[in-house]
Amino acid sequence: MRMFGSGAAVRVLGAGDNVVDRYVDAGVMYPGGNAVNVAVYARRCGAEAAYRGVVGTDAAGDVVLAALRDEGVDVSGVQRADGPNAYAEVAIVDNDRVFKDSNDGVSEFDLTEADYARLSGFDVVHTAYSGSLIRSVPRMAAYTRVSFDFSNRLTESYVDWMLPSLYLATFSGTGLDDEQTEALLSRGLEHGARHVLVTRGSAGAWLATADGVHRQPTVASRVVDTMGAGDAFIAGLLVGLVGGRDLTSSLARAANCAALACSVAGAFGHPAAVAATMLPHLPGEPT
């Protein structure tokens, strides 16, 4: 397991979604999901990491749970629910991912009173638009720092409502020009987020704080699959910021994490064969 310096004093919780990303053309699936990916890459950065979510009782759920354990992520908060694990069907086009289909399976859940009480034991909790915890964010922020990934959901009604609760607000800025990126960063700060991150793919990332805007270029790597790169960037940045590192070294750590994610298939490896019964069937094909 590759580490990017010590983050042992930092405790990170990924809460929310998990999936298996099913690469249907190759017949292979990989564990993933925004909250899972952040927990795994935080652990790879040396932090103590845990995941809170629900996995299915099928083979896909086994894959997610086994990968988390193998990565050293605390799974004591993971529940297993009778039914299929969440999945996303993925195709790779020019080393980039294209999502074809998805199903949430048994992944949706609400935090319990015990979950909220547990949050105070972590330095930061990360969740995202893709999970089921959007309405829980303000209460989560009463217990610990909260990081939230909005991805490209810039116009959702909950964006400005949620920003005052966030330690780190992340947006996908792919396709935005510099002026639009600056406006998005300003919006995040003006509505109360402490740090606002806009990732821009091969164009790097911009981070805004009360002290100004900081730009981080990408780190060169052998690109195999960009799945999970943004989540890895978030993980590296959180471990640096919460661990007391300066912005320059925190962003450099984040860029290195993202480069590592791009160098492996899936979000963080751990391939497993997809059973024929899990693959989509063509019209007229026997099932």
Protein backbone atom coordinates (compact mmCIF):
# COMPACT_ATOMS: atom_id res chain seq x y z
CA MET A 1 0.00 0.00 0.00
CA ARG A 2 1.55 3.32 -1.03
CA MET A 3 1.50 6.17 1.48
CA PHE A 4 2.01 9.90 0.92
CA GLY A 5 3.55 10.94 4.22
CA SER A 6 2.14 10.58 7.69
CA GLY A 7 -1.45 11.49 8.47
CA ALA A 8 -1.71 9.23 11.50
CA ALA A 9 -3.13 11.97 13.73
CA VAL A 10 -6.08 12.48 11.38
CA ARG A 11 -9.31 10.45 11.57
CA VAL A 12 -11.48 10.50 8.44
CA LEU A 13 -14.95 9.00 8.01
CA GLY A 14 -16.46 8.36 4.59
CA ALA A 15 -20.24 8.19 4.96
CA GLY A 16 -22.80 7.42 2.28
CA ASP A 17 -22.58 5.71 -1.06
CA ASN A 18 -20.75 2.60 -2.13
CA VAL A 19 -20.98 0.79 -5.45
CA VAL A 20 -19.29 -1.75 -7.62
CA ASP A 21 -18.27 -0.20 -10.92
CA ARG A 22 -19.05 -2.88 -13.50
CA TYR A 23 -16.88 -2.60 -16.59
CA VAL A 24 -19.24 -4.57 -18.76
CA ASP A 25 -17.00 -4.80 -21.84
CA ALA A 26 -14.26 -6.42 -19.78
CA GLY A 27 -16.52 -8.43 -17.47
CA VAL A 28 -14.78 -6.99 -14.40
CA MET A 29 -16.09 -5.04 -11.42
CA TYR A 30 -14.24 -2.82 -8.97
CA PRO A 31 -15.30 -1.47 -5.57
CA GLY A 32 -15.97 2.24 -5.41
CA GLY A 33 -18.36 5.04 -4.58
CA ASN A 34 -17.47 8.56 -3.52
CA ALA A 35 -17.48 7.99 0.24
CA VAL A 36 -15.63 4.67 -0.06
CA ASN A 37 -12.98 6.14 -2.35
CA VAL A 38 -12.29 9.05 -0.02
CA ALA A 39 -11.95 6.68 2.95
CA VAL A 40 -9.56 4.41 1.06
CA TYR A 41 -7.33 7.20 -0.21
CA ALA A 42 -7.31 8.91 3.19
CA ARG A 43 -6.02 5.62 4.59
CA ARG A 44 -3.41 5.43 1.86
CA CYS A 45 -2.30 8.90 2.92
CA GLY A 46 -1.66 7.52 6.39
CA ALA A 47 -4.84 8.65 8.13
CA GLU A 48 -7.07 6.46 10.23
CA ALA A 49 -10.11 5.92 8.04
CA ALA A 50 -13.55 4.40 8.47
CA TYR A 51 -16.58 3.89 6.26
CA ARG A 52 -20.27 4.12 7.24
CA GLY A 53 -22.69 2.70 4.72
CA VAL A 54 -24.83 -0.23 3.65
CA VAL A 55 -23.67 -3.05 1.39
CA GLY A 56 -25.71 -5.82 -0.16
CA THR A 57 -25.61 -9.51 0.64
CA ASP A 58 -24.63 -10.44 -2.91
CA ALA A 59 -21.19 -11.06 -4.43
CA ALA A 60 -20.81 -7.34 -5.19
CA GLY A 61 -21.31 -6.50 -1.52
CA ASP A 62 -18.63 -9.06 -0.67
CA VAL A 63 -16.23 -7.30 -3.06
CA VAL A 64 -16.77 -3.88 -1.45
CA LEU A 65 -16.42 -5.15 2.10
CA ALA A 66 -13.32 -7.27 1.35
CA ALA A 67 -11.59 -4.35 -0.39
CA LEU A 68 -12.23 -1.99 2.52
CA ARG A 69 -10.82 -4.51 4.97
CA ASP A 70 -7.80 -5.14 2.77
CA GLU A 71 -7.13 -1.38 2.60
CA GLY A 72 -7.19 -1.08 6.39
CA VAL A 73 -10.42 0.94 6.53
CA ASP A 74 -12.52 0.46 9.67
CA VAL A 75 -15.76 -1.27 8.64
CA SER A 76 -17.38 -1.49 12.07
CA GLY A 77 -20.00 0.99 10.87
CA VAL A 78 -20.93 -1.01 7.77
CA GLN A 79 -24.33 -2.69 7.64
CA ARG A 80 -25.33 -5.55 5.36
CA ALA A 81 -28.85 -5.46 4.03
CA ASP A 82 -30.58 -8.33 2.27
CA GLY A 83 -30.58 -7.47 -1.42
CA PRO A 84 -28.32 -6.31 -4.26
CA ASN A 85 -25.41 -3.96 -3.75
CA ALA A 86 -25.45 -0.65 -5.61
CA TYR A 87 -23.71 -0.72 -8.99
CA ALA A 88 -22.78 1.45 -11.93
CA GLU A 89 -22.13 0.16 -15.43
CA VAL A 90 -19.07 1.78 -16.97
CA ALA A 91 -17.40 1.96 -20.36
CA ILE A 92 -13.91 3.40 -20.94
CA VAL A 93 -13.57 5.77 -23.87
CA ASP A 94 -10.14 7.34 -24.49
CA ASN A 95 -9.04 6.50 -20.91
CA ASP A 96 -12.07 8.27 -19.48
CA ARG A 97 -15.17 6.77 -17.91
CA VAL A 98 -18.66 6.85 -19.39
CA PHE A 99 -21.52 5.75 -17.14
CA LYS A 100 -24.15 3.69 -18.94
CA ASP A 101 -26.51 2.55 -16.18
CA SER A 102 -26.76 2.39 -12.40
CA ASN A 103 -28.88 1.15 -9.53
CA ASP A 104 -28.77 2.22 -5.87
CA GLY A 105 -29.54 -1.26 -4.59
CA VAL A 106 -29.73 -1.31 -0.79
CA SER A 107 -27.28 1.58 -0.30
CA GLU A 108 -29.63 4.30 0.94
CA PHE A 109 -29.87 4.83 4.70
CA ASP A 110 -30.36 7.45 7.40
CA LEU A 111 -27.94 8.20 10.21
CA THR A 112 -28.97 6.92 13.64
CA GLU A 113 -28.50 8.69 16.96
CA ALA A 114 -25.52 6.40 17.56
CA ASP A 115 -24.06 7.50 14.21
CA TYR A 116 -24.28 11.18 15.14
CA ALA A 117 -22.67 10.52 18.51
CA ARG A 118 -19.84 8.66 16.79
CA LEU A 119 -19.05 11.61 14.50
CA SER A 120 -17.34 13.53 17.28
CA GLY A 121 -14.60 10.90 17.25
CA PHE A 122 -13.54 11.91 13.73
CA ASP A 123 -11.67 14.99 12.56
CA VAL A 124 -13.74 15.18 9.39
CA VAL A 125 -16.59 13.30 7.73
CA HIS A 126 -16.97 13.21 3.95
CA THR A 127 -20.17 12.57 2.03
CA ALA A 128 -21.61 13.53 -1.35
CA TYR A 129 -24.59 14.24 -3.57
CA SER A 130 -24.58 10.59 -4.61
CA GLY A 131 -25.42 9.31 -1.13
CA SER A 132 -28.59 9.65 0.94
CA LEU A 133 -27.28 12.03 3.62
CA ILE A 134 -27.84 15.45 2.04
CA ARG A 135 -30.41 16.58 4.62
CA SER A 136 -28.22 15.31 7.46
CA VAL A 137 -25.29 17.62 6.71
CA PRO A 138 -26.18 20.57 9.02
CA ARG A 139 -26.63 18.24 11.97
CA MET A 140 -23.42 16.38 11.10
CA ALA A 141 -21.59 19.71 11.22
CA ALA A 142 -22.59 20.14 14.85
CA TYR A 143 -20.36 17.16 15.71
CA THR A 144 -17.36 17.49 13.40
CA ARG A 145 -16.04 19.08 10.20
CA VAL A 146 -17.98 18.11 7.08
CA SER A 147 -16.70 17.73 3.53
CA PHE A 148 -19.23 17.47 0.70
CA ASP A 149 -18.76 16.72 -2.98
CA PHE A 150 -21.42 18.40 -5.15
CA SER A 151 -19.78 17.16 -8.37
CA ASN A 152 -21.45 19.11 -11.22
CA ARG A 153 -24.71 19.71 -9.32
CA LEU A 154 -24.27 23.48 -9.35
CA THR A 155 -27.93 24.47 -9.57
CA GLU A 156 -29.51 22.13 -7.01
CA SER A 157 -31.60 23.94 -4.40
CA TYR A 158 -29.58 22.48 -1.53
CA VAL A 159 -26.22 23.94 -2.63
CA ASP A 160 -26.42 27.40 -1.03
CA TRP A 161 -28.43 25.98 1.88
CA MET A 162 -25.66 23.51 2.69
CA LEU A 163 -22.55 25.68 2.18
CA PRO A 164 -22.54 27.33 5.64
CA SER A 165 -22.14 23.87 7.21
CA LEU A 166 -19.09 22.85 5.18
CA TYR A 167 -15.41 22.70 6.01
CA LEU A 168 -14.71 21.71 2.40
CA ALA A 169 -17.13 22.15 -0.51
CA THR A 170 -16.04 20.45 -3.73
CA PHE A 171 -17.37 21.01 -7.23
CA SER A 172 -16.49 19.51 -10.60
CA GLY A 173 -15.49 22.36 -12.87
CA THR A 174 -14.87 20.37 -16.03
CA GLY A 175 -15.98 22.60 -18.88
CA LEU A 176 -15.88 25.83 -16.86
CA ASP A 177 -13.59 28.67 -17.94
CA ASP A 178 -11.46 30.68 -15.51
CA GLU A 179 -14.10 33.34 -14.96
CA GLN A 180 -16.79 30.79 -14.22
CA THR A 181 -14.46 28.94 -11.87
CA GLU A 182 -13.66 32.12 -9.95
CA ALA A 183 -17.37 32.90 -9.66
CA LEU A 184 -18.07 29.43 -8.28
CA LEU A 185 -15.28 29.75 -5.72
CA SER A 186 -16.58 33.14 -4.63
CA ARG A 187 -20.11 31.81 -4.31
CA GLY A 188 -18.91 29.02 -2.03
CA LEU A 189 -17.00 31.35 0.26
CA GLU A 190 -19.73 34.00 0.35
CA HIS A 191 -22.27 31.40 1.48
CA GLY A 192 -20.08 30.23 4.31
CA ALA A 193 -17.88 27.28 3.27
CA ARG A 194 -14.43 27.43 4.84
CA HIS A 195 -12.63 25.89 1.84
CA VAL A 196 -14.00 25.64 -1.71
CA LEU A 197 -12.41 23.28 -4.21
CA VAL A 198 -13.08 23.17 -7.95
CA THR A 199 -11.47 20.27 -9.79
CA ARG A 200 -10.95 20.75 -13.50
CA GLY A 201 -9.62 17.45 -14.77
CA SER A 202 -6.41 17.80 -16.76
CA ALA A 203 -6.48 21.55 -16.06
CA GLY A 204 -5.75 20.94 -12.38
CA ALA A 205 -7.66 22.25 -9.38
CA TRP A 206 -8.40 25.58 -7.71
CA LEU A 207 -8.85 25.97 -3.95
CA ALA A 208 -10.30 29.11 -2.38
CA THR A 209 -10.01 30.17 1.25
CA ALA A 210 -10.39 33.49 3.02
CA ASP A 211 -6.71 34.10 2.16
CA GLY A 212 -7.20 33.82 -1.60
CA VAL A 213 -7.23 31.35 -4.47
CA HIS A 214 -4.57 28.67 -4.88
CA ARG A 215 -4.05 26.70 -8.08
CA GLN A 216 -2.68 23.17 -8.28
CA PRO A 217 -1.58 21.61 -11.57
CA THR A 218 -1.99 17.91 -12.25
CA VAL A 219 0.85 15.48 -11.56
CA ALA A 220 2.00 13.45 -14.55
CA SER A 221 1.08 9.77 -14.41
CA ARG A 222 0.43 6.82 -16.68
CA VAL A 223 -3.31 7.19 -17.10
CA VAL A 224 -5.11 3.85 -17.04
CA ASP A 225 -8.51 4.99 -15.76
CA THR A 226 -9.61 8.33 -14.31
CA MET A 227 -12.23 6.70 -12.08
CA GLY A 228 -11.90 8.00 -8.52
CA ALA A 229 -9.27 10.66 -9.27
CA GLY A 230 -11.38 13.51 -7.90
CA ASP A 231 -12.21 11.52 -4.78
CA ALA A 232 -8.52 10.76 -4.24
CA PHE A 233 -7.73 14.47 -4.58
CA ILE A 234 -10.33 15.27 -1.91
CA ALA A 235 -8.88 12.64 0.43
CA GLY A 236 -5.33 13.91 0.09
CA LEU A 237 -6.43 17.50 0.59
CA LEU A 238 -8.49 16.70 3.68
CA VAL A 239 -5.67 14.76 5.33
CA GLY A 240 -3.32 17.67 4.71
CA LEU A 241 -5.66 20.44 5.82
CA VAL A 242 -7.02 18.71 8.91
CA GLY A 243 -3.52 17.53 9.80
CA GLY A 244 -2.29 21.13 9.93
CA ARG A 245 -0.21 21.18 6.77
CA ASP A 246 0.07 24.38 4.75
CA LEU A 247 -2.03 24.79 1.62
CA THR A 248 0.86 24.25 -0.79
CA SER A 249 1.87 20.87 0.60
CA SER A 250 -1.77 19.84 1.12
CA LEU A 251 -2.57 20.51 -2.54
CA ALA A 252 0.60 18.73 -3.69
CA ARG A 253 -0.38 15.68 -1.63
CA ALA A 254 -3.86 15.79 -3.18
CA ALA A 255 -2.47 15.94 -6.71
CA ASN A 256 -0.24 12.94 -6.02
CA CYS A 257 -3.22 10.98 -4.71
CA ALA A 258 -5.19 11.80 -7.86
CA ALA A 259 -2.26 10.71 -10.05
CA LEU A 260 -2.14 7.39 -8.21
CA ALA A 261 -5.87 6.88 -8.80
CA CYS A 262 -5.40 7.47 -12.52
CA SER A 263 -2.66 4.83 -12.71
CA VAL A 264 -4.89 1.88 -11.69
CA ALA A 265 -8.03 0.34 -13.14
CA GLY A 266 -11.17 1.14 -11.19
CA ALA A 267 -11.14 3.70 -8.41
CA PHE A 268 -8.46 1.91 -6.37
CA GLY A 269 -8.03 -1.55 -7.87
CA HIS A 270 -9.33 -4.82 -6.34
CA PRO A 271 -10.85 -6.31 -9.53
CA ALA A 272 -13.34 -9.16 -9.40
CA ALA A 273 -15.04 -11.09 -12.16
CA VAL A 274 -18.59 -10.07 -13.00
CA ALA A 275 -20.93 -13.05 -13.11
CA ALA A 276 -22.79 -13.51 -16.39
CA THR A 277 -26.07 -13.01 -14.56
CA MET A 278 -24.94 -9.49 -13.61
CA LEU A 279 -24.23 -8.33 -17.15
CA PRO A 280 -26.82 -6.52 -19.32
CA HIS A 281 -28.46 -8.55 -22.07
CA LEU A 282 -29.03 -7.40 -25.60
CA PRO A 283 -32.59 -7.20 -26.96
CA GLY A 284 -33.71 -10.66 -28.04
CA GLU A 285 -30.83 -12.36 -26.21
CA PRO A 286 -31.87 -15.18 -23.86
CA THR A 287 -31.59 -14.28 -20.17
